[in-house]
Amino acid sequence: MFPAVFVALWLIIQLAMWAMAAQAVQAAAAAGGQSVRAFGGDATQAHGAAQAALGGLGGNMVTDTKVAVGTSGAETLVQVSGHVATVVPFFTVSVTGKSQAPAQQYRVSG
């Protein structure tokens, strides 16, 4: 009985870590998206903002992180991905967060 309870506890902890990591990468993607969409924002600023947000929110919970920033015309896309730190051996879980929205542009009226 005890081994089953022990395994269930570890799986619950792993599930909680996955949920927290998923929220952290989504928030990091949103932070990078806000940075790149701002007037004068570029991919370097977005990458830095996403990494800073992920470091503050995810700490060591998300490993092997990758930040991809893309712009196509008036659309911007920031994608943050990584792996959740493992509690259960041989159980790797990936998380991905995306932020896609129109870029802000300055238009002269008249």
C-alpha atoms as a PDB file:
ATOM      1  CA  MET A   1       0.000   0.000   0.000  1.00  0.00           C
ATOM      2  CA  PHE A   2       2.748   2.424   0.915  1.00  0.00           C
ATOM      3  CA  PRO A   3       4.571   2.207  -2.474  1.00  0.00           C
ATOM      4  CA  ALA A   4       1.345   3.045  -4.322  1.00  0.00           C
ATOM      5  CA  VAL A   5       0.746   6.098  -2.138  1.00  0.00           C
ATOM      6  CA  PHE A   6       4.378   7.130  -2.564  1.00  0.00           C
ATOM      7  CA  VAL A   7       4.193   6.898  -6.372  1.00  0.00           C
ATOM      8  CA  ALA A   8       0.871   8.771  -6.416  1.00  0.00           C
ATOM      9  CA  LEU A   9       2.386  11.549  -4.309  1.00  0.00           C
ATOM     10  CA  TRP A  10       5.354  11.896  -6.686  1.00  0.00           C
ATOM     11  CA  LEU A  11       3.020  12.017  -9.693  1.00  0.00           C
ATOM     12  CA  ILE A  12       0.918  14.739  -8.044  1.00  0.00           C
ATOM     13  CA  ILE A  13       4.057  16.770  -7.371  1.00  0.00           C
ATOM     14  CA  GLN A  14       5.174  16.314 -11.002  1.00  0.00           C
ATOM     15  CA  LEU A  15       1.735  17.400 -12.231  1.00  0.00           C
ATOM     16  CA  ALA A  16       1.870  20.524 -10.060  1.00  0.00           C
ATOM     17  CA  MET A  17       5.329  21.363 -11.387  1.00  0.00           C
ATOM     18  CA  TRP A  18       4.079  20.922 -14.959  1.00  0.00           C
ATOM     19  CA  ALA A  19       1.144  23.289 -14.312  1.00  0.00           C
ATOM     20  CA  MET A  20       3.404  25.937 -12.783  1.00  0.00           C
ATOM     21  CA  ALA A  21       5.946  25.620 -15.596  1.00  0.00           C
ATOM     22  CA  ALA A  22       3.222  25.881 -18.246  1.00  0.00           C
ATOM     23  CA  GLN A  23       1.971  29.094 -16.671  1.00  0.00           C
ATOM     24  CA  ALA A  24       5.521  30.462 -16.436  1.00  0.00           C
ATOM     25  CA  VAL A  25       6.317  29.886 -20.137  1.00  0.00           C
ATOM     26  CA  GLN A  26       2.966  31.387 -21.175  1.00  0.00           C
ATOM     27  CA  ALA A  27       3.632  34.494 -19.072  1.00  0.00           C
ATOM     28  CA  ALA A  28       7.157  34.731 -20.497  1.00  0.00           C
ATOM     29  CA  ALA A  29       5.798  34.545 -24.042  1.00  0.00           C
ATOM     30  CA  ALA A  30       3.290  37.283 -23.206  1.00  0.00           C
ATOM     31  CA  ALA A  31       6.066  39.485 -21.782  1.00  0.00           C
ATOM     32  CA  GLY A  32       8.176  38.980 -24.894  1.00  0.00           C
ATOM     33  CA  GLY A  33       5.161  39.663 -27.078  1.00  0.00           C
ATOM     34  CA  GLN A  34       4.433  42.937 -25.327  1.00  0.00           C
ATOM     35  CA  SER A  35       8.050  43.976 -25.737  1.00  0.00           C
ATOM     36  CA  VAL A  36       8.249  43.250 -29.472  1.00  0.00           C
ATOM     37  CA  ARG A  37       4.855  44.783 -30.237  1.00  0.00           C
ATOM     38  CA  ALA A  38       5.649  48.079 -28.547  1.00  0.00           C
ATOM     39  CA  PHE A  39       6.619  50.925 -30.854  1.00  0.00           C
ATOM     40  CA  GLY A  40      10.330  50.551 -31.578  1.00  0.00           C
ATOM     41  CA  GLY A  41      10.490  47.032 -30.113  1.00  0.00           C
ATOM     42  CA  ASP A  42      12.625  44.393 -31.768  1.00  0.00           C
ATOM     43  CA  ALA A  43      13.395  40.697 -31.479  1.00  0.00           C
ATOM     44  CA  THR A  44      16.392  41.239 -29.192  1.00  0.00           C
ATOM     45  CA  GLN A  45      14.276  43.138 -26.664  1.00  0.00           C
ATOM     46  CA  ALA A  46      11.555  40.488 -26.857  1.00  0.00           C
ATOM     47  CA  HIS A  47      14.051  37.675 -26.305  1.00  0.00           C
ATOM     48  CA  GLY A  48      15.502  39.456 -23.269  1.00  0.00           C
ATOM     49  CA  ALA A  49      12.075  40.236 -21.815  1.00  0.00           C
ATOM     50  CA  ALA A  50      10.925  36.627 -22.233  1.00  0.00           C
ATOM     51  CA  GLN A  51      14.091  35.238 -20.633  1.00  0.00           C
ATOM     52  CA  ALA A  52      13.840  37.698 -17.735  1.00  0.00           C
ATOM     53  CA  ALA A  53      10.190  36.834 -17.112  1.00  0.00           C
ATOM     54  CA  LEU A  54      10.916  33.130 -17.314  1.00  0.00           C
ATOM     55  CA  GLY A  55      13.815  33.454 -14.900  1.00  0.00           C
ATOM     56  CA  GLY A  56      11.642  35.332 -12.429  1.00  0.00           C
ATOM     57  CA  LEU A  57       8.605  33.080 -12.706  1.00  0.00           C
ATOM     58  CA  GLY A  58      10.007  29.669 -13.544  1.00  0.00           C
ATOM     59  CA  GLY A  59      13.325  29.772 -11.735  1.00  0.00           C
ATOM     60  CA  ASN A  60      14.918  26.359 -12.141  1.00  0.00           C
ATOM     61  CA  MET A  61      11.591  24.697 -12.860  1.00  0.00           C
ATOM     62  CA  VAL A  62      11.936  25.086 -16.649  1.00  0.00           C
ATOM     63  CA  THR A  63      15.145  23.826 -18.251  1.00  0.00           C
ATOM     64  CA  ASP A  64      16.472  23.786 -21.822  1.00  0.00           C
ATOM     65  CA  THR A  65      14.518  26.928 -22.636  1.00  0.00           C
ATOM     66  CA  LYS A  66      14.190  28.251 -26.152  1.00  0.00           C
ATOM     67  CA  VAL A  67      12.724  31.612 -27.163  1.00  0.00           C
ATOM     68  CA  ALA A  68      11.728  32.197 -30.787  1.00  0.00           C
ATOM     69  CA  VAL A  69      10.585  35.603 -32.014  1.00  0.00           C
ATOM     70  CA  GLY A  70       9.082  36.101 -35.447  1.00  0.00           C
ATOM     71  CA  THR A  71       7.437  38.952 -37.280  1.00  0.00           C
ATOM     72  CA  SER A  72       5.574  38.760 -40.540  1.00  0.00           C
ATOM     73  CA  GLY A  73       4.227  42.062 -41.720  1.00  0.00           C
ATOM     74  CA  ALA A  74       1.840  43.293 -39.072  1.00  0.00           C
ATOM     75  CA  GLU A  75       1.867  40.096 -36.953  1.00  0.00           C
ATOM     76  CA  THR A  76       4.298  39.132 -34.232  1.00  0.00           C
ATOM     77  CA  LEU A  77       4.799  35.715 -32.674  1.00  0.00           C
ATOM     78  CA  VAL A  78       6.816  34.857 -29.585  1.00  0.00           C
ATOM     79  CA  GLN A  79       7.144  31.201 -28.621  1.00  0.00           C
ATOM     80  CA  VAL A  80       8.808  30.025 -25.411  1.00  0.00           C
ATOM     81  CA  SER A  81       9.444  26.327 -24.809  1.00  0.00           C
ATOM     82  CA  GLY A  82      11.356  24.152 -22.408  1.00  0.00           C
ATOM     83  CA  HIS A  83      11.321  21.028 -20.283  1.00  0.00           C
ATOM     84  CA  VAL A  84       9.865  20.721 -16.806  1.00  0.00           C
ATOM     85  CA  ALA A  85      12.307  19.726 -14.085  1.00  0.00           C
ATOM     86  CA  THR A  86      11.713  16.060 -13.323  1.00  0.00           C
ATOM     87  CA  VAL A  87      10.734  14.611  -9.989  1.00  0.00           C
ATOM     88  CA  VAL A  88       9.732  11.235 -11.363  1.00  0.00           C
ATOM     89  CA  PRO A  89      12.748   9.573 -13.020  1.00  0.00           C
ATOM     90  CA  PHE A  90      12.570   9.039 -16.807  1.00  0.00           C
ATOM     91  CA  PHE A  91       9.462  11.225 -17.048  1.00  0.00           C
ATOM     92  CA  THR A  92      10.230  14.259 -19.190  1.00  0.00           C
ATOM     93  CA  VAL A  93       7.527  16.772 -19.969  1.00  0.00           C
ATOM     94  CA  SER A  94       7.755  19.677 -22.419  1.00  0.00           C
ATOM     95  CA  VAL A  95       5.907  22.970 -22.107  1.00  0.00           C
ATOM     96  CA  THR A  96       5.282  25.655 -24.724  1.00  0.00           C
ATOM     97  CA  GLY A  97       3.758  29.106 -24.543  1.00  0.00           C
ATOM     98  CA  LYS A  98       2.821  31.356 -27.469  1.00  0.00           C
ATOM     99  CA  SER A  99       1.919  34.992 -27.855  1.00  0.00           C
ATOM    100  CA  GLN A 100       0.638  36.142 -31.236  1.00  0.00           C
ATOM    101  CA  ALA A 101      -0.885  39.532 -31.941  1.00  0.00           C
ATOM    102  CA  PRO A 102      -0.753  42.446 -34.353  1.00  0.00           C
ATOM    103  CA  ALA A 103       2.262  44.738 -34.131  1.00  0.00           C
ATOM    104  CA  GLN A 104       1.683  48.349 -33.200  1.00  0.00           C
ATOM    105  CA  GLN A 105       2.420  50.749 -36.020  1.00  0.00           C
ATOM    106  CA  TYR A 106       2.623  54.507 -36.226  1.00  0.00           C
ATOM    107  CA  ARG A 107       0.493  55.898 -39.040  1.00  0.00           C
ATOM    108  CA  VAL A 108       0.366  59.472 -40.157  1.00  0.00           C
ATOM    109  CA  SER A 109      -3.188  60.689 -40.601  1.00  0.00           C
ATOM    110  CA  GLY A 110      -4.262  62.785 -43.535  1.00  0.00           C
END
